[in-house]
């Protein structure tokens, strides 16, 4: 079988798993405002709609927690294929739903897939990528999520003109197509070389690594050998320690890293972005903005377009500056939205609506809120969106990578579930204050990142122990502009070692003095 071995192609295709996550996000947001959905499912409001929305996050939590065991035991690739099968089953059940309970079951099963892929796709991408483009490669996952959101939303927009239940059944059924492509296509892609090494398939690991790093699969290339030796040394050291990987997650040496990876994912959820993704229709209705479908669709387009710059520049910008800039800017937009709602809003006299606080007759304020929402989406797409995907698999060693990232993804889905369940009743009860709550979360995120999150760009995954254990305060890495050159130094040592061996062999056969071959 012909194998696909171009790193960009592999990473882009693997990101289809992220595309499924994007379909999940938009699978409800583009439908909840339609008359067909409301009438068929009994006009779900508040907590009931929150349960429907958050049910997939519940399944995703279970999938994320299962991903470490399955990903280490079966491989990252096979586990992603299992996820694709689960997605197809869930999509079939959703599209055939005859009521809210069946819809929830379908969303939970599809959520198992999203949990598996949200944890394992970034791991797989980071493990196949050279360190200098690792950030760019993993951002493909974020871009695929935004593409999935946008495509699904416009499919739902087109189907909304249908008068029957096909207006929501058809968009849910179409989700099966990318999952089938994802499942079949993975047969042509390699296993992660780091996973192969972890299960003692050393020859295959070296061969795959060489094929990923060189045009002709040269296993004697110094850079290939240097990276292979780093992987080999790390696995040997891990085995000599005889540590239990699950116990090591809470060890003094690792717990800060595990908690940091969980926190980054959690803060990304609490940044306020998911309010705009899941419940933008409610917010726009409260702001008195008409033509909801067209206006809300623009935020998905903005989200997708603004994820492109990080693909190009994230390995130049770095992870830490993006997080530190994104949090206060997001806070500013959310505070501004909350302030505008407070100043120009009033109680909604209609008590049967999801929004109890509305703006009437203040078009300038409504447009200002819309602009802030768009700018908030753009800010997230440039900063927290991609970095929250890149960072967790970068900062932990191979032996606990799948387990740590599964916990990070689980924290993401716990926050996602809580938001999906709580935001509709919060919008009804605390109204405009909800934006100040999420703005405050961004302030807390900034404080934690400043003190606990080091820069990881252009370092190999095996160098992270040195990054976290050098003894200096981690916030000082903000001022550390040193580029990592450890791998190049090791490759030069390997090349010099070969040169010495070849020189000595030449002396032995010709009798020429060795110094004639020295430079």
Protein backbone atom coordinates (compact mmCIF):
# COMPACT_ATOMS: atom_id res chain seq x y z
CA UNK A 1 0.00 0.00 0.00
CA UNK A 2 1.28 3.46 -0.92
CA UNK A 3 1.86 5.58 2.20
CA UNK A 4 1.37 9.33 2.55
CA UNK A 5 4.54 10.70 4.18
CA UNK A 6 4.46 14.47 3.69
CA UNK A 7 4.13 16.01 7.16
CA UNK A 8 1.82 18.83 6.03
CA UNK A 9 -0.47 16.40 4.19
CA UNK A 10 -0.61 14.05 7.17
CA UNK A 11 -1.33 16.85 9.63
CA UNK A 12 -3.98 18.42 7.40
CA UNK A 13 -5.79 15.12 6.91
CA UNK A 14 -5.58 14.18 10.59
CA UNK A 15 -7.17 17.55 11.32
CA UNK A 16 -10.40 16.16 9.84
CA UNK A 17 -10.87 14.92 13.40
CA UNK A 18 -10.95 18.58 14.40
CA UNK A 19 -13.42 19.21 11.60
CA UNK A 20 -15.82 16.79 13.30
CA UNK A 21 -15.45 18.84 16.48
CA UNK A 22 -16.39 21.92 14.46
CA UNK A 23 -19.46 20.15 13.09
CA UNK A 24 -20.45 19.41 16.69
CA UNK A 25 -20.18 23.05 17.74
CA UNK A 26 -22.38 24.27 14.89
CA UNK A 27 -24.76 21.29 14.87
CA UNK A 28 -27.02 23.04 17.40
CA UNK A 29 -26.15 26.74 17.14
CA UNK A 30 -27.39 27.00 13.56
CA UNK A 31 -30.64 25.14 14.27
CA UNK A 32 -31.95 26.18 17.69
CA UNK A 33 -33.54 29.33 16.28
CA UNK A 34 -35.50 27.60 13.51
CA UNK A 35 -39.25 27.08 13.75
CA UNK A 36 -38.98 23.45 12.61
CA UNK A 37 -36.57 22.52 15.42
CA UNK A 38 -38.52 24.42 18.07
CA UNK A 39 -41.88 22.91 17.16
CA UNK A 40 -40.63 19.32 16.73
CA UNK A 41 -38.67 19.17 20.01
CA UNK A 42 -41.24 21.05 22.10
CA UNK A 43 -39.76 24.55 22.17
CA UNK A 44 -36.80 23.73 24.47
CA UNK A 45 -35.66 26.72 26.54
CA UNK A 46 -33.25 27.37 29.39
CA UNK A 47 -32.06 24.22 31.15
CA UNK A 48 -33.71 21.84 28.67
CA UNK A 49 -31.86 23.36 25.73
CA UNK A 50 -28.73 23.43 27.86
CA UNK A 51 -29.00 19.67 28.42
CA UNK A 52 -29.36 19.05 24.67
CA UNK A 53 -26.37 21.25 23.85
CA UNK A 54 -24.13 19.92 26.61
CA UNK A 55 -24.94 16.23 26.06
CA UNK A 56 -22.24 15.93 23.42
CA UNK A 57 -19.74 17.45 25.83
CA UNK A 58 -20.68 14.72 28.32
CA UNK A 59 -19.80 12.05 25.75
CA UNK A 60 -16.67 13.96 24.82
CA UNK A 61 -15.53 13.91 28.45
CA UNK A 62 -15.76 10.09 28.52
CA UNK A 63 -14.00 9.88 25.14
CA UNK A 64 -11.20 12.17 26.26
CA UNK A 65 -10.59 10.16 29.44
CA UNK A 66 -10.54 6.93 27.39
CA UNK A 67 -8.14 8.32 24.80
CA UNK A 68 -4.98 7.81 26.85
CA UNK A 69 -5.51 4.08 27.38
CA UNK A 70 -6.66 3.43 23.82
CA UNK A 71 -4.08 5.75 22.26
CA UNK A 72 -1.18 4.08 24.07
CA UNK A 73 -2.49 0.54 23.65
CA UNK A 74 -3.89 0.56 20.11
CA UNK A 75 -1.95 3.54 18.66
CA UNK A 76 -3.06 7.08 17.96
CA UNK A 77 -4.12 6.18 14.42
CA UNK A 78 -6.36 3.19 15.16
CA UNK A 79 -8.04 5.00 18.05
CA UNK A 80 -8.89 7.91 15.74
CA UNK A 81 -10.49 5.39 13.37
CA UNK A 82 -12.59 4.03 16.24
CA UNK A 83 -13.68 7.59 16.89
CA UNK A 84 -14.82 7.98 13.27
CA UNK A 85 -17.02 4.88 13.59
CA UNK A 86 -18.60 6.24 16.78
CA UNK A 87 -19.26 9.55 15.04
CA UNK A 88 -21.15 7.81 12.22
CA UNK A 89 -23.31 5.89 14.72
CA UNK A 90 -24.09 9.08 16.63
CA UNK A 91 -24.93 11.01 13.46
CA UNK A 92 -27.35 8.28 12.31
CA UNK A 93 -29.16 8.34 15.67
CA UNK A 94 -29.38 12.14 15.71
CA UNK A 95 -30.74 12.38 12.19
CA UNK A 96 -33.37 9.72 13.01
CA UNK A 97 -34.35 11.28 16.36
CA UNK A 98 -38.03 11.13 17.28
CA UNK A 99 -37.66 13.20 20.44
CA UNK A 100 -35.25 14.85 22.86
CA UNK A 101 -34.07 11.61 24.59
CA UNK A 102 -33.01 9.99 21.30
CA UNK A 103 -31.33 13.21 20.21
CA UNK A 104 -29.34 13.30 23.45
CA UNK A 105 -28.24 9.66 23.04
CA UNK A 106 -26.99 10.37 19.51
CA UNK A 107 -25.10 13.44 20.66
CA UNK A 108 -23.48 11.54 23.54
CA UNK A 109 -22.24 8.78 21.19
CA UNK A 110 -20.92 11.33 18.68
CA UNK A 111 -19.31 13.10 21.62
CA UNK A 112 -17.22 9.99 22.34
CA UNK A 113 -15.58 10.53 18.94
CA UNK A 114 -14.98 14.22 19.58
CA UNK A 115 -13.36 13.42 22.93
CA UNK A 116 -11.02 10.86 21.37
CA UNK A 117 -9.99 13.03 18.44
CA UNK A 118 -9.70 16.26 20.45
CA UNK A 119 -7.02 14.55 22.56
CA UNK A 120 -5.25 12.35 20.03
CA UNK A 121 -5.14 14.43 16.84
CA UNK A 122 -2.85 17.11 18.40
CA UNK A 123 -0.67 14.36 19.91
CA UNK A 124 -0.36 12.61 16.56
CA UNK A 125 0.40 15.86 14.75
CA UNK A 126 3.01 16.98 17.29
CA UNK A 127 4.73 13.57 17.27
CA UNK A 128 5.18 13.45 13.50
CA UNK A 129 6.19 17.11 13.03
CA UNK A 130 9.73 18.57 13.04
CA UNK A 131 10.13 20.91 16.00
CA UNK A 132 10.56 24.05 13.83
CA UNK A 133 7.10 23.72 12.28
CA UNK A 134 5.33 21.82 15.06
CA UNK A 135 3.15 24.78 16.03
CA UNK A 136 2.12 25.42 12.44
CA UNK A 137 1.27 21.76 11.92
CA UNK A 138 -0.85 21.44 15.07
CA UNK A 139 -2.73 24.67 14.25
CA UNK A 140 -4.22 22.73 11.33
CA UNK A 141 -6.44 21.18 14.00
CA UNK A 142 -7.76 24.60 15.04
CA UNK A 143 -8.26 25.62 11.42
CA UNK A 144 -10.18 22.42 10.73
CA UNK A 145 -12.42 23.12 13.72
CA UNK A 146 -13.27 26.57 12.35
CA UNK A 147 -13.84 25.13 8.87
CA UNK A 148 -16.15 22.48 10.31
CA UNK A 149 -18.13 25.13 12.18
CA UNK A 150 -18.46 27.31 9.07
CA UNK A 151 -19.37 24.50 6.66
CA UNK A 152 -21.93 23.00 9.05
CA UNK A 153 -23.51 26.37 9.73
CA UNK A 154 -24.01 27.16 6.05
CA UNK A 155 -25.38 23.66 5.42
CA UNK A 156 -27.89 24.33 8.18
CA UNK A 157 -28.62 27.76 6.72
CA UNK A 158 -29.43 26.22 3.34
CA UNK A 159 -31.57 23.49 4.88
CA UNK A 160 -33.46 25.99 7.07
CA UNK A 161 -35.60 26.90 4.06
CA UNK A 162 -37.06 23.38 4.03
CA UNK A 163 -40.48 23.22 5.67
CA UNK A 164 -40.15 19.70 7.07
CA UNK A 165 -37.97 18.07 9.73
CA UNK A 166 -35.42 17.56 6.96
CA UNK A 167 -34.28 21.09 7.83
CA UNK A 168 -32.36 19.63 10.79
CA UNK A 169 -32.19 15.90 9.92
CA UNK A 170 -30.31 16.47 6.67
CA UNK A 171 -27.48 18.59 8.20
CA UNK A 172 -26.98 15.99 10.94
CA UNK A 173 -26.90 13.15 8.39
CA UNK A 174 -24.39 14.93 6.13
CA UNK A 175 -21.89 14.82 9.01
CA UNK A 176 -21.36 11.12 8.24
CA UNK A 177 -19.48 11.92 5.00
CA UNK A 178 -16.30 13.49 6.49
CA UNK A 179 -16.17 10.76 9.16
CA UNK A 180 -16.15 8.03 6.49
CA UNK A 181 -13.40 9.86 4.58
CA UNK A 182 -11.44 10.22 7.83
CA UNK A 183 -11.75 6.52 8.68
CA UNK A 184 -10.75 5.24 5.25
CA UNK A 185 -7.97 7.76 4.64
CA UNK A 186 -6.11 6.93 7.85
CA UNK A 187 -5.19 3.52 6.41
CA UNK A 188 -2.71 5.33 4.14
CA UNK A 189 -1.01 7.26 6.95
CA UNK A 190 1.91 6.13 9.14
CA UNK A 191 1.92 5.41 12.84
CA UNK A 192 3.57 7.98 15.08
CA UNK A 193 7.32 7.18 15.23
CA UNK A 194 7.34 8.03 18.93
CA UNK A 195 4.48 5.61 19.57
CA UNK A 196 6.29 2.91 17.56
CA UNK A 197 9.37 3.43 19.72
CA UNK A 198 7.30 3.25 22.91
CA UNK A 199 6.09 -0.25 21.94
CA UNK A 200 9.61 -1.40 20.92
CA UNK A 201 9.08 -1.31 17.16
CA UNK A 202 12.43 0.43 16.85
CA UNK A 203 13.30 -0.41 13.24
CA UNK A 204 9.91 0.76 12.05
CA UNK A 205 10.19 3.90 14.18
CA UNK A 206 13.53 4.82 12.59
CA UNK A 207 12.23 4.07 9.10
CA UNK A 208 9.07 6.18 9.55
CA UNK A 209 11.07 9.02 11.11
CA UNK A 210 13.49 8.99 8.16
CA UNK A 211 10.63 9.01 5.66
CA UNK A 212 9.02 11.96 7.47
CA UNK A 213 12.24 13.99 7.71
CA UNK A 214 14.03 13.29 4.40
CA UNK A 215 12.98 13.09 0.78
CA UNK A 216 14.47 9.63 0.24
CA UNK A 217 13.97 8.06 3.67
CA UNK A 218 17.69 8.23 4.54
CA UNK A 219 18.10 6.50 7.91
CA UNK A 220 21.74 7.66 8.02
CA UNK A 221 20.86 11.35 7.91
CA UNK A 222 22.50 13.01 10.96
CA UNK A 223 19.36 14.96 11.92
CA UNK A 224 17.27 11.80 11.71
CA UNK A 225 19.74 9.90 13.87
CA UNK A 226 19.92 12.79 16.35
CA UNK A 227 16.15 12.91 16.77
CA UNK A 228 15.97 9.12 16.97
CA UNK A 229 18.62 9.11 19.71
CA UNK A 230 16.69 11.72 21.69
CA UNK A 231 13.58 9.54 21.55
CA UNK A 232 15.63 6.46 22.42
CA UNK A 233 17.34 8.17 25.36
CA UNK A 234 14.08 9.47 26.78
CA UNK A 235 12.36 6.09 26.59
CA UNK A 236 15.39 4.38 28.15
CA UNK A 237 15.46 6.87 31.04
CA UNK A 238 11.73 6.47 31.55
CA UNK A 239 12.05 2.70 31.79
CA UNK A 240 15.02 2.88 34.14
CA UNK A 241 12.92 4.94 36.55
CA UNK A 242 10.31 2.12 36.71
CA UNK A 243 7.61 4.70 37.40
CA UNK A 244 3.89 4.14 37.13
CA UNK A 245 2.73 6.60 34.43
CA UNK A 246 -0.62 7.17 36.13
CA UNK A 247 1.03 7.82 39.48
CA UNK A 248 3.56 10.06 37.78
CA UNK A 249 0.77 12.37 36.63
CA UNK A 250 0.46 13.59 40.22
CA UNK A 251 4.16 13.39 41.08
CA UNK A 252 5.90 16.56 42.22
CA UNK A 253 7.91 16.62 38.99
CA UNK A 254 4.94 16.38 36.62
CA UNK A 255 1.83 17.68 38.33
CA UNK A 256 2.60 21.33 37.53
CA UNK A 257 2.83 20.49 33.83
CA UNK A 258 -0.32 18.37 33.87
CA UNK A 259 -2.25 21.08 35.71
CA UNK A 260 -0.93 23.72 33.29
CA UNK A 261 -2.09 21.75 30.25
CA UNK A 262 -5.51 21.28 31.87
CA UNK A 263 -5.71 24.97 32.79
CA UNK A 264 -4.89 26.19 29.27
CA UNK A 265 -7.71 24.09 27.82
CA UNK A 266 -10.11 25.16 30.57
CA UNK A 267 -9.34 28.88 30.20
CA UNK A 268 -9.89 28.60 26.43
CA UNK A 269 -13.42 27.38 27.15
CA UNK A 270 -14.02 30.03 29.81
CA UNK A 271 -12.72 32.84 27.58
CA UNK A 272 -16.27 33.55 26.41
CA UNK A 273 -15.77 32.18 22.91
CA UNK A 274 -18.24 29.34 23.36
CA UNK A 275 -20.99 31.73 24.39
CA UNK A 276 -20.65 33.24 20.94
CA UNK A 277 -20.32 29.87 19.20
CA UNK A 278 -23.25 28.07 20.84
CA UNK A 279 -25.65 30.88 21.72
CA UNK A 280 -24.90 33.71 19.30
CA UNK A 281 -28.54 33.67 18.16
CA UNK A 282 -29.74 34.42 21.70
CA UNK A 283 -27.20 37.25 22.11
CA UNK A 284 -28.10 38.86 18.79
CA UNK A 285 -31.81 38.63 19.59
CA UNK A 286 -31.14 40.35 22.92
CA UNK A 287 -29.18 43.08 21.12
CA UNK A 288 -32.10 43.77 18.80
CA UNK A 289 -30.25 42.75 15.64
CA UNK A 290 -32.28 41.43 12.72
CA UNK A 291 -31.40 39.03 9.90
CA UNK A 292 -29.94 36.68 12.52
CA UNK A 293 -28.76 33.91 10.23
CA UNK A 294 -26.70 36.12 7.95
CA UNK A 295 -25.27 38.21 10.79
CA UNK A 296 -24.37 35.21 12.96
CA UNK A 297 -22.79 33.40 10.01
CA UNK A 298 -20.20 36.15 9.71
CA UNK A 299 -18.61 35.25 13.04
CA UNK A 300 -17.93 31.73 11.76
CA UNK A 301 -16.31 33.11 8.62
CA UNK A 302 -14.21 35.52 10.72
CA UNK A 303 -13.19 32.66 13.01
CA UNK A 304 -12.04 30.57 10.05
CA UNK A 305 -10.15 33.36 8.28
CA UNK A 306 -8.39 34.61 11.41
CA UNK A 307 -7.07 31.12 12.18
CA UNK A 308 -4.92 31.30 9.03
CA UNK A 309 -2.30 33.80 10.35
CA UNK A 310 -1.30 31.50 13.26
CA UNK A 311 -0.67 28.69 10.77
CA UNK A 312 1.90 30.91 9.10
CA UNK A 313 3.42 32.70 12.10
CA UNK A 314 2.78 30.77 15.34
CA UNK A 315 6.30 29.28 15.32
CA UNK A 316 7.67 32.81 15.03
CA UNK A 317 5.34 34.50 17.54
CA UNK A 318 5.57 31.79 20.16
CA UNK A 319 2.87 30.35 22.39
CA UNK A 320 3.30 32.48 25.52
CA UNK A 321 2.94 35.95 23.92
CA UNK A 322 -0.22 34.82 22.12
CA UNK A 323 -1.82 33.73 25.40
CA UNK A 324 -0.71 36.83 27.30
CA UNK A 325 -2.00 39.21 24.63
CA UNK A 326 -5.22 37.34 23.93
CA UNK A 327 -6.58 37.19 27.49
CA UNK A 328 -6.74 40.95 28.27
CA UNK A 329 -8.02 41.82 24.80
CA UNK A 330 -10.82 39.25 25.12
CA UNK A 331 -11.58 40.67 28.56
CA UNK A 332 -11.90 44.16 27.06
CA UNK A 333 -14.41 43.08 24.38
CA UNK A 334 -16.53 41.14 26.90
CA UNK A 335 -16.59 43.99 29.40
CA UNK A 336 -17.59 46.36 26.61
CA UNK A 337 -20.47 44.09 25.51
CA UNK A 338 -21.66 43.78 29.11
CA UNK A 339 -21.45 47.54 29.63
CA UNK A 340 -23.44 48.27 26.47
CA UNK A 341 -26.15 45.79 27.45
CA UNK A 342 -26.36 47.32 30.94
CA UNK A 343 -26.51 50.91 29.68
CA UNK A 344 -28.98 50.50 26.82
CA UNK A 345 -30.92 47.34 27.73
CA UNK A 346 -34.21 46.81 29.52
CA UNK A 347 -36.26 43.84 30.81
CA UNK A 348 -38.01 41.83 28.12
CA UNK A 349 -41.80 41.97 28.65
CA UNK A 350 -42.21 38.60 26.88
CA UNK A 351 -41.46 35.98 29.55
CA UNK A 352 -41.54 32.98 27.20
CA UNK A 353 -38.36 34.02 25.36
CA UNK A 354 -34.80 32.74 26.06
CA UNK A 355 -33.56 36.32 26.51
CA UNK A 356 -34.97 38.36 29.41
CA UNK A 357 -32.86 41.49 28.80
CA UNK A 358 -33.11 43.26 25.44
CA UNK A 359 -32.04 46.42 23.64
CA UNK A 360 -34.82 48.28 21.83
CA UNK A 361 -34.40 51.41 19.71
CA UNK A 362 -30.66 51.89 20.19
CA UNK A 363 -29.26 50.81 16.85
CA UNK A 364 -25.78 52.27 17.48
CA UNK A 365 -25.44 50.24 20.69
CA UNK A 366 -26.64 47.11 18.89
CA UNK A 367 -24.08 47.55 16.12
CA UNK A 368 -21.34 48.24 18.69
CA UNK A 369 -22.18 44.95 20.43
CA UNK A 370 -22.05 43.15 17.09
CA UNK A 371 -18.63 44.68 16.34
CA UNK A 372 -17.31 43.64 19.77
CA UNK A 373 -18.53 40.08 19.23
CA UNK A 374 -16.78 39.90 15.86
CA UNK A 375 -13.57 41.36 17.31
CA UNK A 376 -13.73 38.90 20.20
CA UNK A 377 -13.98 35.98 17.78
CA UNK A 378 -11.02 37.33 15.78
CA UNK A 379 -8.95 37.76 18.95
CA UNK A 380 -9.63 34.20 20.09
CA UNK A 381 -8.85 32.76 16.65
CA UNK A 382 -5.47 34.53 16.62
CA UNK A 383 -4.45 33.61 20.17
CA UNK A 384 -6.11 31.18 22.54
CA UNK A 385 -7.83 29.06 19.88
CA UNK A 386 -4.69 27.65 18.24
CA UNK A 387 -2.38 27.75 21.28
CA UNK A 388 -4.79 25.81 23.51
CA UNK A 389 -4.52 23.00 20.96
CA UNK A 390 -0.73 23.19 20.52
CA UNK A 391 0.42 23.57 24.10
CA UNK A 392 -0.78 20.49 26.08
CA UNK A 393 1.01 17.79 24.01
CA UNK A 394 4.21 19.87 23.90
CA UNK A 395 4.95 20.19 27.60
CA UNK A 396 4.84 16.58 28.85
CA UNK A 397 7.15 13.59 28.13
CA UNK A 398 6.18 10.66 25.93
CA UNK A 399 5.46 8.22 28.76
CA UNK A 400 2.56 10.32 30.08
CA UNK A 401 1.73 12.41 26.99
CA UNK A 402 -1.48 10.62 26.03
CA UNK A 403 -2.61 10.48 29.66
CA UNK A 404 -1.85 14.14 30.35
CA UNK A 405 -3.47 15.35 27.13
CA UNK A 406 -6.52 13.20 27.84
CA UNK A 407 -6.86 14.97 31.21
CA UNK A 408 -6.42 18.34 29.47
CA UNK A 409 -9.10 17.43 26.94
CA UNK A 410 -11.29 16.20 29.80
CA UNK A 411 -10.96 19.56 31.57
CA UNK A 412 -11.91 21.20 28.27
CA UNK A 413 -15.03 19.08 28.04
CA UNK A 414 -15.97 19.53 31.69
CA UNK A 415 -15.89 23.29 31.11
CA UNK A 416 -17.70 22.84 27.79
CA UNK A 417 -20.42 20.75 29.45
CA UNK A 418 -20.81 23.26 32.27
CA UNK A 419 -21.09 26.14 29.80
CA UNK A 420 -23.55 24.36 27.54
CA UNK A 421 -25.73 23.57 30.54
CA UNK A 422 -25.45 26.86 32.42
CA UNK A 423 -25.28 29.64 29.82
CA UNK A 424 -28.98 29.58 28.74
CA UNK A 425 -30.26 29.93 32.33
CA UNK A 426 -27.51 32.46 33.09
CA UNK A 427 -28.57 34.61 30.14
CA UNK A 428 -32.11 34.52 31.53
CA UNK A 429 -31.18 35.17 35.18
CA UNK A 430 -28.04 37.34 35.45
CA UNK A 431 -28.46 38.75 31.92
CA UNK A 432 -25.73 41.25 30.94
CA UNK A 433 -23.62 40.33 33.98
CA UNK A 434 -22.65 37.06 32.30
CA UNK A 435 -20.23 38.98 30.05
CA UNK A 436 -18.45 40.43 33.08
CA UNK A 437 -18.15 36.93 34.56
CA UNK A 438 -16.36 35.63 31.48
CA UNK A 439 -14.26 38.76 31.18
CA UNK A 440 -13.01 38.12 34.71
CA UNK A 441 -12.06 34.56 33.74
CA UNK A 442 -9.69 36.07 31.16
CA UNK A 443 -7.99 38.16 33.86
CA UNK A 444 -7.41 35.00 35.92
CA UNK A 445 -6.09 33.21 32.82
CA UNK A 446 -3.58 36.00 32.20
CA UNK A 447 -2.26 35.78 35.77
CA UNK A 448 -1.76 32.02 35.62
CA UNK A 449 -0.09 32.05 32.20
CA UNK A 450 2.28 34.83 33.26
CA UNK A 451 3.61 32.87 36.24
CA UNK A 452 3.42 29.24 35.10
CA UNK A 453 3.62 28.91 31.29
CA UNK A 454 7.08 28.84 29.63
CA UNK A 455 7.76 29.33 25.94
CA UNK A 456 8.02 26.07 23.95
CA UNK A 457 8.53 27.17 20.35
CA UNK A 458 11.29 25.47 18.32
CA UNK A 459 12.19 23.04 21.09
CA UNK A 460 11.99 19.30 20.62
CA UNK A 461 9.41 17.42 22.64
CA UNK A 462 12.27 15.68 24.44
CA UNK A 463 13.69 19.05 25.61
CA UNK A 464 10.68 19.94 27.74
CA UNK A 465 12.21 18.40 30.87
CA UNK A 466 15.03 20.95 30.64
CA UNK A 467 12.57 23.80 30.04
CA UNK A 468 10.63 23.03 33.22
CA UNK A 469 13.53 21.94 35.42
CA UNK A 470 16.19 24.61 34.82
CA UNK A 471 15.48 26.14 38.25
CA UNK A 472 14.53 29.64 37.05
CA UNK A 473 11.04 31.13 37.44
CA UNK A 474 9.02 30.04 34.42
CA UNK A 475 7.76 33.56 33.71
CA UNK A 476 11.33 34.56 32.82
CA UNK A 477 11.04 32.51 29.65
CA UNK A 478 9.09 35.49 28.26
CA UNK A 479 12.42 37.28 28.01
CA UNK A 480 14.37 34.24 26.76
CA UNK A 481 14.97 34.75 23.03
CA UNK A 482 17.42 31.89 22.67
CA UNK A 483 16.58 29.56 19.84
CA UNK A 484 16.93 25.89 20.62
CA UNK A 485 19.84 24.36 18.71
CA UNK A 486 20.34 21.17 20.70
CA UNK A 487 19.26 18.92 17.84
CA UNK A 488 21.60 20.63 15.36
CA UNK A 489 24.49 20.31 17.82
CA UNK A 490 23.78 16.61 18.25
CA UNK A 491 23.58 16.17 14.47
CA UNK A 492 26.95 17.94 14.06
CA UNK A 493 28.46 15.66 16.69
CA UNK A 494 27.18 12.64 14.79
CA UNK A 495 28.62 13.98 11.52
CA UNK A 496 31.99 14.73 13.16
CA UNK A 497 32.04 11.27 14.69
CA UNK A 498 31.51 9.75 11.26
CA UNK A 499 34.26 11.93 9.81
CA UNK A 500 36.72 10.76 12.47
CA UNK A 501 35.85 7.13 11.86
CA UNK A 502 36.19 7.46 8.08
CA UNK A 503 39.52 9.30 8.48
CA UNK A 504 40.96 6.63 10.74
CA UNK A 505 39.81 3.93 8.35
CA UNK A 506 41.50 5.77 5.48
CA UNK A 507 44.74 6.09 7.46
CA UNK A 508 44.66 2.40 8.25
CA UNK A 509 44.40 1.46 4.58
CA UNK A 510 46.67 4.12 2.99
CA UNK A 511 49.25 4.93 5.64
CA UNK A 512 48.71 8.72 5.30
CA UNK A 513 48.95 10.66 8.57
CA UNK A 514 45.56 11.52 10.12
CA UNK A 515 46.31 15.26 10.44
CA UNK A 516 46.26 15.64 6.65
CA UNK A 517 42.51 15.12 6.77
CA UNK A 518 41.80 17.57 9.56
CA UNK A 519 40.42 21.02 8.78
